[in-house]
Amino acid sequence: MGTPEGLHKGPIDHVVTHGTFSLDGGTWEVDNNVWVVGDENEVVVIDAAHDPEAIGEIIAGRRVVAVVCTHAHDDHVNQAPRLADTFNAPILLNPAEAPLWEMTHPNRSPDQEITDGQIITAGGIELRALVTPGHSPGSTCLYAPELKTVFTGDTLFQGGPGATGRSYSSFDTIIDSIRGTLLPLPGDTEVRTGHGDSTSIGSEAPHLEEWIARGH
């Protein structure tokens, strides 16, 4: 089930959906943040997770420009094909995520690739793709400068980097991505994450060395 928060039609709408994440023989219950970004006419859906009905409620009849996947762990993409088909929208994913995507959707490929620096626009809002590997090979954040927001998927959370203890992940790589790509963003940039509470670049940046010392 999903819990909508603020059905106000943009620029950022949000629903928390509940389901499971499976990888490397384990399965865990998870709550995912699904973000819908745009205006009263058109939107981008970021990470179509678990509950297409709840996501449809916050789309609220608007045109879906794209279903964008920050990465291809099953809890972030399990409803991407259904949403894409329902709203006649393309699925966008970095090609390095193909092995993970195929675990969940072996008979359906993404429609378009996301590359570093690519701009996706909905309702006049520009989302710039920032490829930040580490949590997975092609993890991609979406930066909206005019909204002072970056959508980080599972790359950066309140309290540190995303998990890197499973297949297709690397702690050193995620640290490099956070240090080189995310922490240079303005300190007042809000970090809207794939799970849990939002934070800011300024709140997280001072803790980089602590994360490195802690390890994954």
C-alpha atoms as a PDB file:
ATOM      1  CA  MET A   1       0.000   0.000   0.000  1.00  0.00           C
ATOM      2  CA  GLY A   2       1.055   3.604  -0.433  1.00  0.00           C
ATOM      3  CA  THR A   3       0.751   6.698   1.687  1.00  0.00           C
ATOM      4  CA  PRO A   4       0.308   9.865  -0.419  1.00  0.00           C
ATOM      5  CA  GLU A   5       1.732  13.072   0.986  1.00  0.00           C
ATOM      6  CA  GLY A   6       0.383  16.307  -0.414  1.00  0.00           C
ATOM      7  CA  LEU A   7      -1.741  15.713  -3.501  1.00  0.00           C
ATOM      8  CA  HIS A   8      -1.086  19.253  -4.696  1.00  0.00           C
ATOM      9  CA  LYS A   9       0.095  18.609  -8.244  1.00  0.00           C
ATOM     10  CA  GLY A  10       3.681  19.749  -8.199  1.00  0.00           C
ATOM     11  CA  PRO A  11       6.348  20.734  -8.388  1.00  0.00           C
ATOM     12  CA  ILE A  12       7.299  17.766  -6.166  1.00  0.00           C
ATOM     13  CA  ASP A  13       4.770  15.160  -5.085  1.00  0.00           C
ATOM     14  CA  HIS A  14       5.627  12.128  -2.992  1.00  0.00           C
ATOM     15  CA  VAL A  15       4.211   8.779  -2.000  1.00  0.00           C
ATOM     16  CA  VAL A  16       5.691   6.109   0.271  1.00  0.00           C
ATOM     17  CA  THR A  17       5.038   2.581  -0.961  1.00  0.00           C
ATOM     18  CA  HIS A  18       5.618  -0.714   0.821  1.00  0.00           C
ATOM     19  CA  GLY A  19       6.949  -3.981  -0.586  1.00  0.00           C
ATOM     20  CA  THR A  20      10.059  -6.141  -0.671  1.00  0.00           C
ATOM     21  CA  PHE A  21      13.626  -6.004  -1.963  1.00  0.00           C
ATOM     22  CA  SER A  22      15.319  -9.231  -3.067  1.00  0.00           C
ATOM     23  CA  LEU A  23      18.953  -9.840  -4.034  1.00  0.00           C
ATOM     24  CA  ASP A  24      21.631 -12.465  -3.420  1.00  0.00           C
ATOM     25  CA  GLY A  25      19.126 -14.949  -2.039  1.00  0.00           C
ATOM     26  CA  GLY A  26      17.643 -12.653   0.609  1.00  0.00           C
ATOM     27  CA  THR A  27      14.354 -10.760   0.775  1.00  0.00           C
ATOM     28  CA  TRP A  28      13.625  -7.762   3.000  1.00  0.00           C
ATOM     29  CA  GLU A  29      10.536  -5.640   3.612  1.00  0.00           C
ATOM     30  CA  VAL A  30      11.081  -2.036   2.560  1.00  0.00           C
ATOM     31  CA  ASP A  31       9.326   1.318   2.304  1.00  0.00           C
ATOM     32  CA  ASN A  32      10.231   3.271  -0.816  1.00  0.00           C
ATOM     33  CA  ASN A  33       9.930   6.943  -1.680  1.00  0.00           C
ATOM     34  CA  VAL A  34       8.363   7.535  -5.079  1.00  0.00           C
ATOM     35  CA  TRP A  35       8.819  11.073  -6.394  1.00  0.00           C
ATOM     36  CA  VAL A  36       6.642  12.772  -9.020  1.00  0.00           C
ATOM     37  CA  VAL A  37       8.115  16.001 -10.391  1.00  0.00           C
ATOM     38  CA  GLY A  38       6.512  18.514 -12.753  1.00  0.00           C
ATOM     39  CA  ASP A  39       3.549  20.869 -12.917  1.00  0.00           C
ATOM     40  CA  GLU A  40      -0.221  20.589 -13.234  1.00  0.00           C
ATOM     41  CA  ASN A  41       0.085  19.221 -16.784  1.00  0.00           C
ATOM     42  CA  GLU A  42       3.034  16.835 -16.985  1.00  0.00           C
ATOM     43  CA  VAL A  43       5.410  14.961 -14.708  1.00  0.00           C
ATOM     44  CA  VAL A  44       8.361  12.618 -14.420  1.00  0.00           C
ATOM     45  CA  VAL A  45       7.967   9.608 -12.117  1.00  0.00           C
ATOM     46  CA  ILE A  46      11.148   8.690 -10.234  1.00  0.00           C
ATOM     47  CA  ASP A  47      11.359   5.038  -9.098  1.00  0.00           C
ATOM     48  CA  ALA A  48       8.049   3.260  -9.731  1.00  0.00           C
ATOM     49  CA  ALA A  49       7.965   1.055  -6.648  1.00  0.00           C
ATOM     50  CA  HIS A  50       5.432  -1.486  -5.384  1.00  0.00           C
ATOM     51  CA  ASP A  51       2.046   0.240  -5.671  1.00  0.00           C
ATOM     52  CA  PRO A  52       0.928   1.505  -9.093  1.00  0.00           C
ATOM     53  CA  GLU A  53      -2.470   2.598  -7.789  1.00  0.00           C
ATOM     54  CA  ALA A  54      -0.942   4.894  -5.164  1.00  0.00           C
ATOM     55  CA  ILE A  55       1.484   6.296  -7.729  1.00  0.00           C
ATOM     56  CA  GLY A  56      -1.398   6.836 -10.134  1.00  0.00           C
ATOM     57  CA  GLU A  57      -3.229   8.843  -7.480  1.00  0.00           C
ATOM     58  CA  ILE A  58      -0.444  11.410  -7.226  1.00  0.00           C
ATOM     59  CA  ILE A  59       0.022  11.502 -11.002  1.00  0.00           C
ATOM     60  CA  ALA A  60      -3.627  12.567 -10.925  1.00  0.00           C
ATOM     61  CA  GLY A  61      -4.331  12.480 -14.635  1.00  0.00           C
ATOM     62  CA  ARG A  62      -1.237  14.382 -15.721  1.00  0.00           C
ATOM     63  CA  ARG A  63       0.858  13.350 -18.713  1.00  0.00           C
ATOM     64  CA  VAL A  64       3.855  11.228 -17.731  1.00  0.00           C
ATOM     65  CA  VAL A  65       6.927  12.336 -19.682  1.00  0.00           C
ATOM     66  CA  ALA A  66       9.055   9.445 -18.412  1.00  0.00           C
ATOM     67  CA  VAL A  67       9.353   6.764 -15.761  1.00  0.00           C
ATOM     68  CA  VAL A  68      12.921   7.275 -14.574  1.00  0.00           C
ATOM     69  CA  CYS A  69      14.744   4.591 -12.589  1.00  0.00           C
ATOM     70  CA  THR A  70      17.600   5.738 -10.357  1.00  0.00           C
ATOM     71  CA  HIS A  71      18.837   2.132 -10.434  1.00  0.00           C
ATOM     72  CA  ALA A  72      17.475  -1.329 -11.134  1.00  0.00           C
ATOM     73  CA  HIS A  73      17.135  -3.034  -7.759  1.00  0.00           C
ATOM     74  CA  ASP A  74      13.742  -4.670  -7.847  1.00  0.00           C
ATOM     75  CA  ASP A  75      12.215  -2.449  -5.172  1.00  0.00           C
ATOM     76  CA  HIS A  76      12.802   0.584  -7.402  1.00  0.00           C
ATOM     77  CA  VAL A  77      11.665  -0.851 -10.741  1.00  0.00           C
ATOM     78  CA  ASN A  78       9.083  -3.550 -10.051  1.00  0.00           C
ATOM     79  CA  GLN A  79       6.181  -1.405 -11.295  1.00  0.00           C
ATOM     80  CA  ALA A  80       8.049   0.534 -13.992  1.00  0.00           C
ATOM     81  CA  PRO A  81       6.653  -1.454 -16.951  1.00  0.00           C
ATOM     82  CA  ARG A  82       3.105  -1.270 -15.632  1.00  0.00           C
ATOM     83  CA  LEU A  83       3.309   2.489 -15.064  1.00  0.00           C
ATOM     84  CA  ALA A  84       4.943   2.992 -18.441  1.00  0.00           C
ATOM     85  CA  ASP A  85       2.252   1.004 -20.215  1.00  0.00           C
ATOM     86  CA  THR A  86      -0.598   2.641 -18.311  1.00  0.00           C
ATOM     87  CA  PHE A  87       0.602   6.170 -19.044  1.00  0.00           C
ATOM     88  CA  ASN A  88       2.243   5.523 -22.426  1.00  0.00           C
ATOM     89  CA  ALA A  89       5.596   6.749 -21.135  1.00  0.00           C
ATOM     90  CA  PRO A  90       9.168   5.563 -21.751  1.00  0.00           C
ATOM     91  CA  ILE A  91      11.259   3.851 -19.073  1.00  0.00           C
ATOM     92  CA  LEU A  92      14.684   5.483 -18.634  1.00  0.00           C
ATOM     93  CA  LEU A  93      17.630   3.661 -17.045  1.00  0.00           C
ATOM     94  CA  ASN A  94      21.408   3.811 -17.216  1.00  0.00           C
ATOM     95  CA  PRO A  95      22.651   0.902 -19.377  1.00  0.00           C
ATOM     96  CA  ALA A  96      25.111  -0.297 -16.720  1.00  0.00           C
ATOM     97  CA  GLU A  97      22.053  -1.423 -14.745  1.00  0.00           C
ATOM     98  CA  ALA A  98      21.086  -4.054 -17.331  1.00  0.00           C
ATOM     99  CA  PRO A  99      22.125  -7.130 -15.279  1.00  0.00           C
ATOM    100  CA  LEU A 100      20.002  -6.017 -12.328  1.00  0.00           C
ATOM    101  CA  TRP A 101      17.064  -4.967 -14.504  1.00  0.00           C
ATOM    102  CA  GLU A 102      16.995  -8.345 -16.239  1.00  0.00           C
ATOM    103  CA  MET A 103      16.644 -10.124 -12.879  1.00  0.00           C
ATOM    104  CA  THR A 104      13.234  -8.481 -12.461  1.00  0.00           C
ATOM    105  CA  HIS A 105      12.122  -7.869 -16.045  1.00  0.00           C
ATOM    106  CA  PRO A 106      13.819 -10.427 -18.322  1.00  0.00           C
ATOM    107  CA  ASN A 107      11.233  -9.941 -21.072  1.00  0.00           C
ATOM    108  CA  ARG A 108      11.011  -6.156 -21.096  1.00  0.00           C
ATOM    109  CA  SER A 109      13.859  -3.748 -21.765  1.00  0.00           C
ATOM    110  CA  PRO A 110      13.987  -0.086 -20.760  1.00  0.00           C
ATOM    111  CA  ASP A 111      12.993   2.223 -23.587  1.00  0.00           C
ATOM    112  CA  GLN A 112      15.782   4.780 -23.346  1.00  0.00           C
ATOM    113  CA  GLU A 113      19.178   5.148 -21.719  1.00  0.00           C
ATOM    114  CA  ILE A 114      20.118   7.775 -19.156  1.00  0.00           C
ATOM    115  CA  THR A 115      23.572   9.251 -19.607  1.00  0.00           C
ATOM    116  CA  ASP A 116      25.541  11.614 -17.390  1.00  0.00           C
ATOM    117  CA  GLY A 117      24.485  15.218 -17.897  1.00  0.00           C
ATOM    118  CA  GLN A 118      21.310  14.347 -19.764  1.00  0.00           C
ATOM    119  CA  ILE A 119      18.419  16.758 -19.175  1.00  0.00           C
ATOM    120  CA  ILE A 120      14.880  15.485 -18.651  1.00  0.00           C
ATOM    121  CA  THR A 121      12.194  18.180 -18.611  1.00  0.00           C
ATOM    122  CA  ALA A 122       8.655  18.067 -17.252  1.00  0.00           C
ATOM    123  CA  GLY A 123       6.444  21.064 -16.672  1.00  0.00           C
ATOM    124  CA  GLY A 124       9.342  23.408 -17.304  1.00  0.00           C
ATOM    125  CA  ILE A 125      11.448  21.778 -14.581  1.00  0.00           C
ATOM    126  CA  GLU A 126      14.825  20.461 -15.684  1.00  0.00           C
ATOM    127  CA  LEU A 127      16.222  17.317 -14.094  1.00  0.00           C
ATOM    128  CA  ARG A 128      19.911  16.762 -14.817  1.00  0.00           C
ATOM    129  CA  ALA A 129      21.147  13.177 -14.661  1.00  0.00           C
ATOM    130  CA  LEU A 130      24.204  12.666 -12.455  1.00  0.00           C
ATOM    131  CA  VAL A 131      25.572   9.152 -12.852  1.00  0.00           C
ATOM    132  CA  THR A 132      26.841   8.073  -9.420  1.00  0.00           C
ATOM    133  CA  PRO A 133      27.909   4.416  -9.468  1.00  0.00           C
ATOM    134  CA  GLY A 134      28.618   2.475  -6.305  1.00  0.00           C
ATOM    135  CA  HIS A 135      25.357   1.238  -4.822  1.00  0.00           C
ATOM    136  CA  SER A 136      24.939  -0.317  -8.241  1.00  0.00           C
ATOM    137  CA  PRO A 137      26.896   0.047 -11.498  1.00  0.00           C
ATOM    138  CA  GLY A 138      24.776   2.756 -13.098  1.00  0.00           C
ATOM    139  CA  SER A 139      23.042   4.435 -10.173  1.00  0.00           C
ATOM    140  CA  THR A 140      21.826   7.842 -11.287  1.00  0.00           C
ATOM    141  CA  CYS A 141      20.769  10.893  -9.295  1.00  0.00           C
ATOM    142  CA  LEU A 142      18.526  13.619 -10.699  1.00  0.00           C
ATOM    143  CA  TYR A 143      19.396  17.231  -9.886  1.00  0.00           C
ATOM    144  CA  ALA A 144      16.832  20.025 -10.213  1.00  0.00           C
ATOM    145  CA  PRO A 145      18.751  23.275  -9.578  1.00  0.00           C
ATOM    146  CA  GLU A 146      15.682  25.525  -9.684  1.00  0.00           C
ATOM    147  CA  LEU A 147      14.052  23.375  -6.994  1.00  0.00           C
ATOM    148  CA  LYS A 148      17.289  23.197  -4.968  1.00  0.00           C
ATOM    149  CA  THR A 149      16.769  19.440  -4.877  1.00  0.00           C
ATOM    150  CA  VAL A 150      18.641  16.289  -5.829  1.00  0.00           C
ATOM    151  CA  PHE A 151      16.879  12.932  -5.975  1.00  0.00           C
ATOM    152  CA  THR A 152      19.526  10.436  -4.908  1.00  0.00           C
ATOM    153  CA  GLY A 153      17.860   7.036  -5.082  1.00  0.00           C
ATOM    154  CA  ASP A 154      19.993   4.796  -2.883  1.00  0.00           C
ATOM    155  CA  THR A 155      23.287   6.660  -3.358  1.00  0.00           C
ATOM    156  CA  LEU A 156      23.083   9.157  -0.470  1.00  0.00           C
ATOM    157  CA  PHE A 157      20.863   9.079   2.600  1.00  0.00           C
ATOM    158  CA  GLN A 158      20.493  10.961   5.844  1.00  0.00           C
ATOM    159  CA  GLY A 159      23.527   9.591   7.653  1.00  0.00           C
ATOM    160  CA  GLY A 160      25.644   8.316   4.814  1.00  0.00           C
ATOM    161  CA  PRO A 161      25.995   6.378   1.584  1.00  0.00           C
ATOM    162  CA  GLY A 162      23.743   3.605   0.377  1.00  0.00           C
ATOM    163  CA  ALA A 163      24.539  -0.028   1.065  1.00  0.00           C
ATOM    164  CA  THR A 164      27.415  -1.625  -0.837  1.00  0.00           C
ATOM    165  CA  GLY A 165      27.620  -5.082   0.692  1.00  0.00           C
ATOM    166  CA  ARG A 166      25.776  -6.916  -2.089  1.00  0.00           C
ATOM    167  CA  SER A 167      26.393  -7.932  -5.691  1.00  0.00           C
ATOM    168  CA  TYR A 168      27.212  -5.236  -8.244  1.00  0.00           C
ATOM    169  CA  SER A 169      28.158  -2.687  -5.549  1.00  0.00           C
ATOM    170  CA  SER A 170      31.385  -1.021  -4.412  1.00  0.00           C
ATOM    171  CA  PHE A 171      32.048   1.063  -1.310  1.00  0.00           C
ATOM    172  CA  ASP A 172      35.070   2.845  -2.801  1.00  0.00           C
ATOM    173  CA  THR A 173      33.060   3.713  -5.896  1.00  0.00           C
ATOM    174  CA  ILE A 174      30.075   5.116  -4.011  1.00  0.00           C
ATOM    175  CA  ILE A 175      32.395   7.261  -1.885  1.00  0.00           C
ATOM    176  CA  ASP A 176      34.046   8.591  -5.048  1.00  0.00           C
ATOM    177  CA  SER A 177      30.612   9.369  -6.516  1.00  0.00           C
ATOM    178  CA  ILE A 178      29.404  11.173  -3.417  1.00  0.00           C
ATOM    179  CA  ARG A 179      32.661  13.095  -2.970  1.00  0.00           C
ATOM    180  CA  GLY A 180      33.062  14.059  -6.606  1.00  0.00           C
ATOM    181  CA  THR A 181      29.488  14.570  -7.788  1.00  0.00           C
ATOM    182  CA  LEU A 182      27.049  15.145  -4.926  1.00  0.00           C
ATOM    183  CA  LEU A 183      28.927  16.961  -2.168  1.00  0.00           C
ATOM    184  CA  PRO A 184      30.046  19.778  -4.521  1.00  0.00           C
ATOM    185  CA  LEU A 185      26.374  20.734  -5.016  1.00  0.00           C
ATOM    186  CA  PRO A 186      25.218  23.816  -3.068  1.00  0.00           C
ATOM    187  CA  GLY A 187      24.882  23.138   0.641  1.00  0.00           C
ATOM    188  CA  ASP A 188      21.204  24.123   0.699  1.00  0.00           C
ATOM    189  CA  THR A 189      20.336  21.459  -1.872  1.00  0.00           C
ATOM    190  CA  GLU A 190      17.682  19.165  -0.418  1.00  0.00           C
ATOM    191  CA  VAL A 191      18.496  15.466  -0.755  1.00  0.00           C
ATOM    192  CA  ARG A 192      15.336  13.486  -1.464  1.00  0.00           C
ATOM    193  CA  THR A 193      16.182   9.845  -1.007  1.00  0.00           C
ATOM    194  CA  GLY A 194      14.928   6.453  -2.123  1.00  0.00           C
ATOM    195  CA  HIS A 195      14.033   5.437   1.432  1.00  0.00           C
ATOM    196  CA  GLY A 196      13.492   7.365   4.641  1.00  0.00           C
ATOM    197  CA  ASP A 197      13.751  11.048   5.443  1.00  0.00           C
ATOM    198  CA  SER A 198      15.173  13.807   3.300  1.00  0.00           C
ATOM    199  CA  THR A 199      18.335  15.665   4.268  1.00  0.00           C
ATOM    200  CA  SER A 200      20.593  18.292   2.678  1.00  0.00           C
ATOM    201  CA  ILE A 201      24.015  18.384   1.097  1.00  0.00           C
ATOM    202  CA  GLY A 202      25.159  20.788   3.800  1.00  0.00           C
ATOM    203  CA  SER A 203      24.026  18.439   6.551  1.00  0.00           C
ATOM    204  CA  GLU A 204      25.812  15.422   5.098  1.00  0.00           C
ATOM    205  CA  ALA A 205      29.044  16.880   3.685  1.00  0.00           C
ATOM    206  CA  PRO A 206      30.866  17.283   7.037  1.00  0.00           C
ATOM    207  CA  HIS A 207      30.568  13.554   7.712  1.00  0.00           C
ATOM    208  CA  LEU A 208      32.391  12.156   4.674  1.00  0.00           C
ATOM    209  CA  GLU A 209      35.509  11.118   6.561  1.00  0.00           C
ATOM    210  CA  GLU A 210      33.380   9.440   9.235  1.00  0.00           C
ATOM    211  CA  TRP A 211      31.691   7.341   6.553  1.00  0.00           C
ATOM    212  CA  ILE A 212      35.029   6.353   5.074  1.00  0.00           C
ATOM    213  CA  ALA A 213      36.318   5.306   8.488  1.00  0.00           C
ATOM    214  CA  ARG A 214      33.130   3.377   9.174  1.00  0.00           C
ATOM    215  CA  GLY A 215      33.271   1.520   5.855  1.00  0.00           C
ATOM    216  CA  HIS A 216      30.343  -0.307   4.368  1.00  0.00           C
END
